PDB file of all heavy atoms in Angstrom:
ATOM      1  N   ILE A   1      -7.708  -2.308  13.448  1.00  0.00           N
ATOM      2  CA  ILE A   1      -6.828  -1.337  14.096  1.00  0.00           C
ATOM      3  C   ILE A   1      -7.057   0.052  13.533  1.00  0.00           C
ATOM      4  O   ILE A   1      -7.239   1.021  14.269  1.00  0.00           O
ATOM      5  CB  ILE A   1      -5.354  -1.741  13.918  1.00  0.00           C
ATOM      6  CG1 ILE A   1      -5.067  -3.047  14.672  1.00  0.00           C
ATOM      7  CG2 ILE A   1      -4.424  -0.626  14.401  1.00  0.00           C
ATOM      8  CD1 ILE A   1      -3.643  -3.528  14.515  1.00  0.00           C
ATOM      9  N   PHE A   2      -7.059   0.171  12.200  1.00  0.00           N
ATOM     10  CA  PHE A   2      -7.210   1.467  11.540  1.00  0.00           C
ATOM     11  C   PHE A   2      -8.630   1.571  11.012  1.00  0.00           C
ATOM     12  O   PHE A   2      -8.959   1.008   9.977  1.00  0.00           O
ATOM     13  CB  PHE A   2      -6.207   1.599  10.393  1.00  0.00           C
ATOM     14  CG  PHE A   2      -4.780   1.394  10.813  1.00  0.00           C
ATOM     15  CD1 PHE A   2      -4.128   0.203  10.544  1.00  0.00           C
ATOM     16  CD2 PHE A   2      -4.088   2.387  11.482  1.00  0.00           C
ATOM     17  CE1 PHE A   2      -2.817   0.007  10.925  1.00  0.00           C
ATOM     18  CE2 PHE A   2      -2.774   2.203  11.871  1.00  0.00           C
ATOM     19  CZ  PHE A   2      -2.140   1.012  11.596  1.00  0.00           C
ATOM     20  N   GLN A   3      -9.469   2.318  11.708  1.00  0.00           N
ATOM     21  CA  GLN A   3     -10.866   2.439  11.323  1.00  0.00           C
ATOM     22  C   GLN A   3     -11.129   3.679  10.490  1.00  0.00           C
ATOM     23  O   GLN A   3     -12.272   4.014  10.207  1.00  0.00           O
ATOM     24  CB  GLN A   3     -11.743   2.430  12.576  1.00  0.00           C
ATOM     25  CG  GLN A   3     -11.587   1.156  13.389  1.00  0.00           C
ATOM     26  CD  GLN A   3     -12.478   1.125  14.608  1.00  0.00           C
ATOM     27  OE1 GLN A   3     -13.492   1.819  14.673  1.00  0.00           O
ATOM     28  NE2 GLN A   3     -12.124   0.311  15.590  1.00  0.00           N
ATOM     29  N   ASN A   4     -10.060   4.365  10.110  1.00  0.00           N
ATOM     30  CA  ASN A   4     -10.202   5.564   9.286  1.00  0.00           C
ATOM     31  C   ASN A   4     -10.548   5.166   7.853  1.00  0.00           C
ATOM     32  O   ASN A   4      -9.774   4.481   7.184  1.00  0.00           O
ATOM     33  CB  ASN A   4      -8.888   6.357   9.307  1.00  0.00           C
ATOM     34  CG  ASN A   4      -9.006   7.688   8.598  1.00  0.00           C
ATOM     35  OD1 ASN A   4      -9.978   7.928   7.890  1.00  0.00           O
ATOM     36  ND2 ASN A   4      -8.020   8.540   8.772  1.00  0.00           N
ATOM     37  N   PRO A   5     -11.704   5.561   7.333  1.00  0.00           N
ATOM     38  CA  PRO A   5     -12.081   5.163   5.978  1.00  0.00           C
ATOM     39  C   PRO A   5     -11.315   5.897   4.885  1.00  0.00           C
ATOM     40  O   PRO A   5     -11.469   5.590   3.708  1.00  0.00           O
ATOM     41  CB  PRO A   5     -13.574   5.510   5.918  1.00  0.00           C
ATOM     42  CG  PRO A   5     -13.701   6.673   6.857  1.00  0.00           C
ATOM     43  CD  PRO A   5     -12.736   6.378   7.994  1.00  0.00           C
ATOM     44  N   ASN A   6     -10.477   6.878   5.252  1.00  0.00           N
ATOM     45  CA  ASN A   6      -9.772   7.660   4.238  1.00  0.00           C
ATOM     46  C   ASN A   6      -8.545   6.948   3.673  1.00  0.00           C
ATOM     47  O   ASN A   6      -7.891   7.446   2.768  1.00  0.00           O
ATOM     48  CB  ASN A   6      -9.346   9.005   4.822  1.00  0.00           C
ATOM     49  CG  ASN A   6     -10.548   9.856   5.181  1.00  0.00           C
ATOM     50  OD1 ASN A   6     -11.553   9.830   4.492  1.00  0.00           O
ATOM     51  ND2 ASN A   6     -10.456  10.590   6.283  1.00  0.00           N
ATOM     52  N   GLY A   7      -8.192   5.785   4.234  1.00  0.00           N
ATOM     53  CA  GLY A   7      -7.108   5.007   3.634  1.00  0.00           C
ATOM     54  C   GLY A   7      -5.756   5.278   4.256  1.00  0.00           C
ATOM     55  O   GLY A   7      -5.631   5.498   5.453  1.00  0.00           O
ATOM     56  N   ASN A   8      -4.730   5.277   3.415  1.00  0.00           N
ATOM     57  CA  ASN A   8      -3.353   5.326   3.884  1.00  0.00           C
ATOM     58  C   ASN A   8      -3.024   6.650   4.580  1.00  0.00           C
ATOM     59  O   ASN A   8      -3.303   7.714   4.049  1.00  0.00           O
ATOM     60  CB  ASN A   8      -2.396   5.134   2.702  1.00  0.00           C
ATOM     61  CG  ASN A   8      -2.645   3.843   1.956  1.00  0.00           C
ATOM     62  OD1 ASN A   8      -3.032   2.842   2.538  1.00  0.00           O
ATOM     63  ND2 ASN A   8      -2.415   3.862   0.652  1.00  0.00           N
ATOM     64  N   PRO A   9      -2.394   6.602   5.770  1.00  0.00           N
ATOM     65  CA  PRO A   9      -1.985   7.840   6.432  1.00  0.00           C
ATOM     66  C   PRO A   9      -0.871   8.531   5.658  1.00  0.00           C
ATOM     67  O   PRO A   9       0.027   7.879   5.105  1.00  0.00           O
ATOM     68  CB  PRO A   9      -1.498   7.362   7.799  1.00  0.00           C
ATOM     69  CG  PRO A   9      -1.106   5.944   7.593  1.00  0.00           C
ATOM     70  CD  PRO A   9      -2.041   5.410   6.549  1.00  0.00           C
ATOM     71  N   TYR A  10      -0.919   9.846   5.614  1.00  0.00           N
ATOM     72  CA  TYR A  10       0.021  10.619   4.792  1.00  0.00           C
ATOM     73  C   TYR A  10       0.177  11.997   5.400  1.00  0.00           C
ATOM     74  O   TYR A  10      -0.816  12.681   5.652  1.00  0.00           O
ATOM     75  CB  TYR A  10      -0.534  10.713   3.360  1.00  0.00           C
ATOM     76  CG  TYR A  10       0.329  11.451   2.371  1.00  0.00           C
ATOM     77  CD1 TYR A  10       1.162  10.760   1.501  1.00  0.00           C
ATOM     78  CD2 TYR A  10       0.295  12.836   2.282  1.00  0.00           C
ATOM     79  CE1 TYR A  10       1.931  11.427   0.564  1.00  0.00           C
ATOM     80  CE2 TYR A  10       1.071  13.522   1.358  1.00  0.00           C
ATOM     81  CZ  TYR A  10       1.886  12.816   0.496  1.00  0.00           C
ATOM     82  OH  TYR A  10       2.653  13.482  -0.425  1.00  0.00           O
ATOM     83  N   ILE A  11       1.393  12.396   5.701  1.00  0.00           N
ATOM     84  CA  ILE A  11       1.679  13.751   6.175  1.00  0.00           C
ATOM     85  C   ILE A  11       2.760  14.343   5.287  1.00  0.00           C
ATOM     86  O   ILE A  11       3.808  13.725   5.072  1.00  0.00           O
ATOM     87  CB  ILE A  11       2.152  13.759   7.641  1.00  0.00           C
ATOM     88  CG1 ILE A  11       1.067  13.203   8.569  1.00  0.00           C
ATOM     89  CG2 ILE A  11       2.513  15.185   8.064  1.00  0.00           C
ATOM     90  CD1 ILE A  11       1.485  13.162  10.027  1.00  0.00           C
ATOM     91  N   GLN A  12       2.503  15.544   4.763  1.00  0.00           N
ATOM     92  CA  GLN A  12       3.457  16.216   3.879  1.00  0.00           C
ATOM     93  C   GLN A  12       3.753  17.611   4.410  1.00  0.00           C
ATOM     94  O   GLN A  12       2.859  18.359   4.779  1.00  0.00           O
ATOM     95  CB  GLN A  12       2.893  16.317   2.468  1.00  0.00           C
ATOM     96  CG  GLN A  12       3.811  17.049   1.492  1.00  0.00           C
ATOM     97  CD  GLN A  12       3.215  17.134   0.107  1.00  0.00           C
ATOM     98  OE1 GLN A  12       2.555  16.217  -0.357  1.00  0.00           O
ATOM     99  NE2 GLN A  12       3.423  18.260  -0.545  1.00  0.00           N
ATOM    100  N   ASP A  13       5.034  17.947   4.467  1.00  0.00           N
ATOM    101  CA  ASP A  13       5.473  19.273   4.887  1.00  0.00           C
ATOM    102  C   ASP A  13       5.846  20.070   3.643  1.00  0.00           C
ATOM    103  O   ASP A  13       7.008  20.161   3.270  1.00  0.00           O
ATOM    104  CB  ASP A  13       6.660  19.144   5.847  1.00  0.00           C
ATOM    105  CG  ASP A  13       7.113  20.501   6.387  1.00  0.00           C
ATOM    106  OD1 ASP A  13       6.392  21.494   6.156  1.00  0.00           O
ATOM    107  OD2 ASP A  13       8.185  20.558   7.015  1.00  0.00           O
ATOM    108  N   ASN A  14       4.816  20.640   3.000  1.00  0.00           N
ATOM    109  CA  ASN A  14       5.007  21.371   1.746  1.00  0.00           C
ATOM    110  C   ASN A  14       5.860  20.537   0.783  1.00  0.00           C
ATOM    111  O   ASN A  14       5.538  19.396   0.504  1.00  0.00           O
ATOM    112  CB  ASN A  14       5.622  22.740   2.019  1.00  0.00           C
ATOM    113  CG  ASN A  14       4.684  23.636   2.803  1.00  0.00           C
ATOM    114  OD1 ASN A  14       3.490  23.647   2.533  1.00  0.00           O
ATOM    115  ND2 ASN A  14       5.215  24.373   3.765  1.00  0.00           N
ATOM    116  N   GLN A  15       6.948  21.095   0.278  1.00  0.00           N
ATOM    117  CA  GLN A  15       7.810  20.365  -0.651  1.00  0.00           C
ATOM    118  C   GLN A  15       9.047  19.782   0.039  1.00  0.00           C
ATOM    119  O   GLN A  15       9.890  19.180  -0.607  1.00  0.00           O
ATOM    120  CB  GLN A  15       8.265  21.287  -1.786  1.00  0.00           C
ATOM    121  CG  GLN A  15       7.137  21.871  -2.605  1.00  0.00           C
ATOM    122  CD  GLN A  15       6.335  20.809  -3.326  1.00  0.00           C
ATOM    123  OE1 GLN A  15       6.896  19.865  -3.872  1.00  0.00           O
ATOM    124  NE2 GLN A  15       5.017  20.951  -3.331  1.00  0.00           N
ATOM    125  N   SER A  16       9.139  19.950   1.361  1.00  0.00           N
ATOM    126  CA  SER A  16      10.373  19.569   2.045  1.00  0.00           C
ATOM    127  C   SER A  16      10.397  18.123   2.499  1.00  0.00           C
ATOM    128  O   SER A  16      11.468  17.620   2.864  1.00  0.00           O
ATOM    129  CB  SER A  16      10.599  20.480   3.255  1.00  0.00           C
ATOM    130  OG  SER A  16       9.551  20.326   4.198  1.00  0.00           O
ATOM    131  N   GLY A  17       9.267  17.437   2.512  1.00  0.00           N
ATOM    132  CA  GLY A  17       9.299  16.050   2.932  1.00  0.00           C
ATOM    133  C   GLY A  17       7.917  15.465   3.120  1.00  0.00           C
ATOM    134  O   GLY A  17       6.919  16.189   3.205  1.00  0.00           O
ATOM    135  N   LEU A  18       7.855  14.144   3.168  1.00  0.00           N
ATOM    136  CA  LEU A  18       6.596  13.449   3.383  1.00  0.00           C
ATOM    137  C   LEU A  18       6.850  12.146   4.125  1.00  0.00           C
ATOM    138  O   LEU A  18       7.941  11.585   4.094  1.00  0.00           O
ATOM    139  CB  LEU A  18       5.863  13.176   2.073  1.00  0.00           C
ATOM    140  CG  LEU A  18       6.501  12.224   1.041  1.00  0.00           C
ATOM    141  CD1 LEU A  18       6.171  10.763   1.347  1.00  0.00           C
ATOM    142  CD2 LEU A  18       6.038  12.567  -0.366  1.00  0.00           C
ATOM    143  N   ALA A  19       5.813  11.682   4.816  1.00  0.00           N
ATOM    144  CA  ALA A  19       5.808  10.369   5.446  1.00  0.00           C
ATOM    145  C   ALA A  19       4.501   9.689   5.065  1.00  0.00           C
ATOM    146  O   ALA A  19       3.439  10.326   5.037  1.00  0.00           O
ATOM    147  CB  ALA A  19       5.934  10.484   6.961  1.00  0.00           C
ATOM    148  N   MET A  20       4.573   8.401   4.762  1.00  0.00           N
ATOM    149  CA  MET A  20       3.393   7.689   4.291  1.00  0.00           C
ATOM    150  C   MET A  20       3.443   6.260   4.795  1.00  0.00           C
ATOM    151  O   MET A  20       4.515   5.658   4.917  1.00  0.00           O
ATOM    152  CB  MET A  20       3.342   7.700   2.763  1.00  0.00           C
ATOM    153  CG  MET A  20       2.153   6.956   2.171  1.00  0.00           C
ATOM    154  SD  MET A  20       2.181   6.967   0.356  1.00  0.00           S
ATOM    155  CE  MET A  20       3.593   5.902   0.038  1.00  0.00           C
ATOM    156  N   GLY A  21       2.290   5.706   5.086  1.00  0.00           N
ATOM    157  CA  GLY A  21       2.177   4.301   5.437  1.00  0.00           C
ATOM    158  C   GLY A  21       1.108   3.644   4.593  1.00  0.00           C
ATOM    159  O   GLY A  21       0.067   4.249   4.318  1.00  0.00           O
ATOM    160  N   ILE A  22       1.341   2.421   4.155  1.00  0.00           N
ATOM    161  CA  ILE A  22       0.368   1.692   3.334  1.00  0.00           C
ATOM    162  C   ILE A  22      -0.430   0.758   4.229  1.00  0.00           C
ATOM    163  O   ILE A  22       0.135  -0.059   4.962  1.00  0.00           O
ATOM    164  CB  ILE A  22       1.069   0.901   2.222  1.00  0.00           C
ATOM    165  CG1 ILE A  22       1.748   1.864   1.247  1.00  0.00           C
ATOM    166  CG2 ILE A  22       0.068   0.009   1.479  1.00  0.00           C
ATOM    167  CD1 ILE A  22       2.507   1.181   0.134  1.00  0.00           C
ATOM    168  N   ILE A  23      -1.765   0.887   4.182  1.00  0.00           N
ATOM    169  CA  ILE A  23      -2.665  -0.001   4.906  1.00  0.00           C
ATOM    170  C   ILE A  23      -3.274  -0.980   3.902  1.00  0.00           C
ATOM    171  O   ILE A  23      -4.120  -0.606   3.100  1.00  0.00           O
ATOM    172  CB  ILE A  23      -3.773   0.794   5.619  1.00  0.00           C
ATOM    173  CG1 ILE A  23      -3.169   1.725   6.668  1.00  0.00           C
ATOM    174  CG2 ILE A  23      -4.770  -0.157   6.273  1.00  0.00           C
ATOM    175  CD1 ILE A  23      -4.190   2.587   7.380  1.00  0.00           C
ATOM    176  N   SER A  24      -2.813  -2.214   3.926  1.00  0.00           N
ATOM    177  CA  SER A  24      -3.298  -3.238   3.009  1.00  0.00           C
ATOM    178  C   SER A  24      -3.421  -4.554   3.767  1.00  0.00           C
ATOM    179  O   SER A  24      -2.469  -4.976   4.440  1.00  0.00           O
ATOM    180  CB  SER A  24      -2.334  -3.398   1.822  1.00  0.00           C
ATOM    181  OG  SER A  24      -2.732  -4.466   0.989  1.00  0.00           O
ATOM    182  N   ASP A  25      -4.571  -5.203   3.662  1.00  0.00           N
ATOM    183  CA  ASP A  25      -4.750  -6.489   4.330  1.00  0.00           C
ATOM    184  C   ASP A  25      -3.800  -7.544   3.784  1.00  0.00           C
ATOM    185  O   ASP A  25      -3.365  -8.433   4.511  1.00  0.00           O
ATOM    186  CB  ASP A  25      -6.185  -6.980   4.161  1.00  0.00           C
ATOM    187  CG  ASP A  25      -7.172  -6.149   4.974  1.00  0.00           C
ATOM    188  OD1 ASP A  25      -6.739  -5.504   5.941  1.00  0.00           O
ATOM    189  OD2 ASP A  25      -8.369  -6.152   4.638  1.00  0.00           O
ATOM    190  N   GLY A  26      -3.502  -7.453   2.496  1.00  0.00           N
ATOM    191  CA  GLY A  26      -2.607  -8.423   1.878  1.00  0.00           C
ATOM    192  C   GLY A  26      -2.061  -7.897   0.567  1.00  0.00           C
ATOM    193  O   GLY A  26      -2.596  -6.945  -0.008  1.00  0.00           O
ATOM    194  N   VAL A  27      -0.991  -8.505   0.102  1.00  0.00           N
ATOM    195  CA  VAL A  27      -0.330  -8.086  -1.139  1.00  0.00           C
ATOM    196  C   VAL A  27      -0.106  -9.320  -2.005  1.00  0.00           C
ATOM    197  O   VAL A  27       0.308 -10.368  -1.505  1.00  0.00           O
ATOM    198  CB  VAL A  27       1.032  -7.411  -0.829  1.00  0.00           C
ATOM    199  CG1 VAL A  27       1.742  -7.036  -2.129  1.00  0.00           C
ATOM    200  CG2 VAL A  27       0.833  -6.173   0.038  1.00  0.00           C
ATOM    201  N   TYR A  28      -0.389  -9.190  -3.305  1.00  0.00           N
ATOM    202  CA  TYR A  28      -0.085 -10.268  -4.249  1.00  0.00           C
ATOM    203  C   TYR A  28       0.244  -9.646  -5.595  1.00  0.00           C
ATOM    204  O   TYR A  28      -0.024  -8.462  -5.837  1.00  0.00           O
ATOM    205  CB  TYR A  28      -1.244 -11.258  -4.377  1.00  0.00           C
ATOM    206  CG  TYR A  28      -2.497 -10.702  -5.013  1.00  0.00           C
ATOM    207  CD1 TYR A  28      -2.719 -10.822  -6.379  1.00  0.00           C
ATOM    208  CD2 TYR A  28      -3.454 -10.048  -4.238  1.00  0.00           C
ATOM    209  CE1 TYR A  28      -3.865 -10.307  -6.961  1.00  0.00           C
ATOM    210  CE2 TYR A  28      -4.598  -9.531  -4.811  1.00  0.00           C
ATOM    211  CZ  TYR A  28      -4.802  -9.663  -6.173  1.00  0.00           C
ATOM    212  OH  TYR A  28      -5.938  -9.149  -6.749  1.00  0.00           O
ATOM    213  N   GLY A  29       0.828 -10.419  -6.478  1.00  0.00           N
ATOM    214  CA  GLY A  29       1.188  -9.881  -7.789  1.00  0.00           C
ATOM    215  C   GLY A  29       1.513 -10.978  -8.779  1.00  0.00           C
ATOM    216  O   GLY A  29       1.510 -12.172  -8.459  1.00  0.00           O
ATOM    217  N   GLY A  30       1.815 -10.546 -10.011  1.00  0.00           N
ATOM    218  CA  GLY A  30       2.176 -11.474 -11.064  1.00  0.00           C
ATOM    219  C   GLY A  30       0.979 -12.188 -11.660  1.00  0.00           C
ATOM    220  O   GLY A  30      -0.174 -11.924 -11.308  1.00  0.00           O
ATOM    221  N   ASN A  31       1.231 -13.112 -12.575  1.00  0.00           N
ATOM    222  CA  ASN A  31       0.177 -13.920 -13.172  1.00  0.00           C
ATOM    223  C   ASN A  31       0.760 -15.233 -13.670  1.00  0.00           C
ATOM    224  O   ASN A  31       1.984 -15.389 -13.824  1.00  0.00           O
ATOM    225  CB  ASN A  31      -0.529 -13.165 -14.304  1.00  0.00           C
ATOM    226  CG  ASN A  31       0.417 -12.763 -15.414  1.00  0.00           C
ATOM    227  OD1 ASN A  31       0.878 -13.598 -16.194  1.00  0.00           O
ATOM    228  ND2 ASN A  31       0.728 -11.462 -15.481  1.00  0.00           N
ATOM    229  N   LEU A  32      -0.131 -16.184 -13.930  1.00  0.00           N
ATOM    230  CA  LEU A  32       0.307 -17.524 -14.324  1.00  0.00           C
ATOM    231  C   LEU A  32       0.989 -17.529 -15.676  1.00  0.00           C
ATOM    232  O   LEU A  32       1.936 -18.293 -15.907  1.00  0.00           O
ATOM    233  CB  LEU A  32      -0.891 -18.475 -14.332  1.00  0.00           C
ATOM    234  CG  LEU A  32      -1.515 -18.790 -12.971  1.00  0.00           C
ATOM    235  CD1 LEU A  32      -2.722 -19.701 -13.139  1.00  0.00           C
ATOM    236  CD2 LEU A  32      -0.490 -19.421 -12.043  1.00  0.00           C
ATOM    237  N   LEU A  33       0.537 -16.689 -16.599  1.00  0.00           N
ATOM    238  CA  LEU A  33       1.123 -16.677 -17.941  1.00  0.00           C
ATOM    239  C   LEU A  33       2.583 -16.276 -17.906  1.00  0.00           C
ATOM    240  O   LEU A  33       3.401 -16.790 -18.687  1.00  0.00           O
ATOM    241  CB  LEU A  33       0.334 -15.727 -18.843  1.00  0.00           C
ATOM    242  CG  LEU A  33      -1.099 -16.148 -19.188  1.00  0.00           C
ATOM    243  CD1 LEU A  33      -1.764 -15.096 -20.061  1.00  0.00           C
ATOM    244  CD2 LEU A  33      -1.118 -17.513 -19.875  1.00  0.00           C
ATOM    245  N   ASP A  34       2.942 -15.375 -17.032  1.00  0.00           N
ATOM    246  CA  ASP A  34       4.335 -14.942 -16.913  1.00  0.00           C
ATOM    247  C   ASP A  34       5.127 -15.802 -15.933  1.00  0.00           C
ATOM    248  O   ASP A  34       6.330 -15.604 -15.759  1.00  0.00           O
ATOM    249  CB  ASP A  34       4.409 -13.487 -16.463  1.00  0.00           C
ATOM    250  CG  ASP A  34       3.895 -12.530 -17.532  1.00  0.00           C
ATOM    251  OD1 ASP A  34       3.896 -12.925 -18.715  1.00  0.00           O
ATOM    252  OD2 ASP A  34       3.483 -11.400 -17.181  1.00  0.00           O
ATOM    253  N   GLY A  35       4.448 -16.736 -15.271  1.00  0.00           N
ATOM    254  CA  GLY A  35       5.130 -17.613 -14.343  1.00  0.00           C
ATOM    255  C   GLY A  35       5.593 -16.944 -13.063  1.00  0.00           C
ATOM    256  O   GLY A  35       6.513 -17.447 -12.413  1.00  0.00           O
ATOM    257  N   ASN A  36       4.959 -15.837 -12.686  1.00  0.00           N
ATOM    258  CA  ASN A  36       5.392 -15.125 -11.479  1.00  0.00           C
ATOM    259  C   ASN A  36       4.245 -14.846 -10.517  1.00  0.00           C
ATOM    260  O   ASN A  36       4.314 -13.931  -9.696  1.00  0.00           O
ATOM    261  CB  ASN A  36       6.082 -13.818 -11.851  1.00  0.00           C
ATOM    262  CG  ASN A  36       5.160 -12.860 -12.601  1.00  0.00           C
ATOM    263  OD1 ASN A  36       4.069 -13.221 -13.019  1.00  0.00           O
ATOM    264  ND2 ASN A  36       5.604 -11.616 -12.773  1.00  0.00           N
ATOM    265  N   ALA A  37       3.155 -15.643 -10.610  1.00  0.00           N
ATOM    266  CA  ALA A  37       2.001 -15.435  -9.743  1.00  0.00           C
ATOM    267  C   ALA A  37       2.351 -15.767  -8.293  1.00  0.00           C
ATOM    268  O   ALA A  37       3.143 -16.668  -8.011  1.00  0.00           O
ATOM    269  CB  ALA A  37       0.835 -16.292 -10.208  1.00  0.00           C
ATOM    270  N   THR A  38       1.775 -15.027  -7.379  1.00  0.00           N
ATOM    271  CA  THR A  38       2.009 -15.277  -5.957  1.00  0.00           C
ATOM    272  C   THR A  38       0.684 -15.487  -5.232  1.00  0.00           C
ATOM    273  O   THR A  38      -0.388 -15.125  -5.742  1.00  0.00           O
ATOM    274  CB  THR A  38       2.723 -14.088  -5.283  1.00  0.00           C
ATOM    275  OG1 THR A  38       1.804 -12.989  -5.141  1.00  0.00           O
ATOM    276  CG2 THR A  38       3.939 -13.656  -6.089  1.00  0.00           C
ATOM    277  N   ASN A  39       0.762 -16.069  -4.070  1.00  0.00           N
ATOM    278  CA  ASN A  39      -0.383 -16.106  -3.173  1.00  0.00           C
ATOM    279  C   ASN A  39      -0.518 -14.757  -2.477  1.00  0.00           C
ATOM    280  O   ASN A  39       0.341 -13.881  -2.619  1.00  0.00           O
ATOM    281  CB  ASN A  39      -0.213 -17.220  -2.134  1.00  0.00           C
ATOM    282  CG  ASN A  39      -0.306 -18.597  -2.741  1.00  0.00           C
ATOM    283  OD1 ASN A  39      -1.080 -18.830  -3.673  1.00  0.00           O
ATOM    284  ND2 ASN A  39       0.492 -19.525  -2.217  1.00  0.00           N
ATOM    285  N   ILE A  40      -1.591 -14.591  -1.712  1.00  0.00           N
ATOM    286  CA  ILE A  40      -1.774 -13.365  -0.945  1.00  0.00           C
ATOM    287  C   ILE A  40      -0.863 -13.414   0.274  1.00  0.00           C
ATOM    288  O   ILE A  40      -0.909 -14.352   1.066  1.00  0.00           O
ATOM    289  CB  ILE A  40      -3.240 -13.200  -0.498  1.00  0.00           C
ATOM    290  CG1 ILE A  40      -4.161 -13.090  -1.716  1.00  0.00           C
ATOM    291  CG2 ILE A  40      -3.398 -11.966   0.388  1.00  0.00           C
ATOM    292  CD1 ILE A  40      -5.636 -13.054  -1.364  1.00  0.00           C
TER     293      ILE A  40
END
């Protein structure tokens, strides 16, 4: 869908505000040692 190689879309109006979207195929976190590992 998003073929832009520059990554996440981001528009900023000087210091008055911003809008951002994260483009990520999947999200995961944690690790087995801490007992909080997740799948993708």
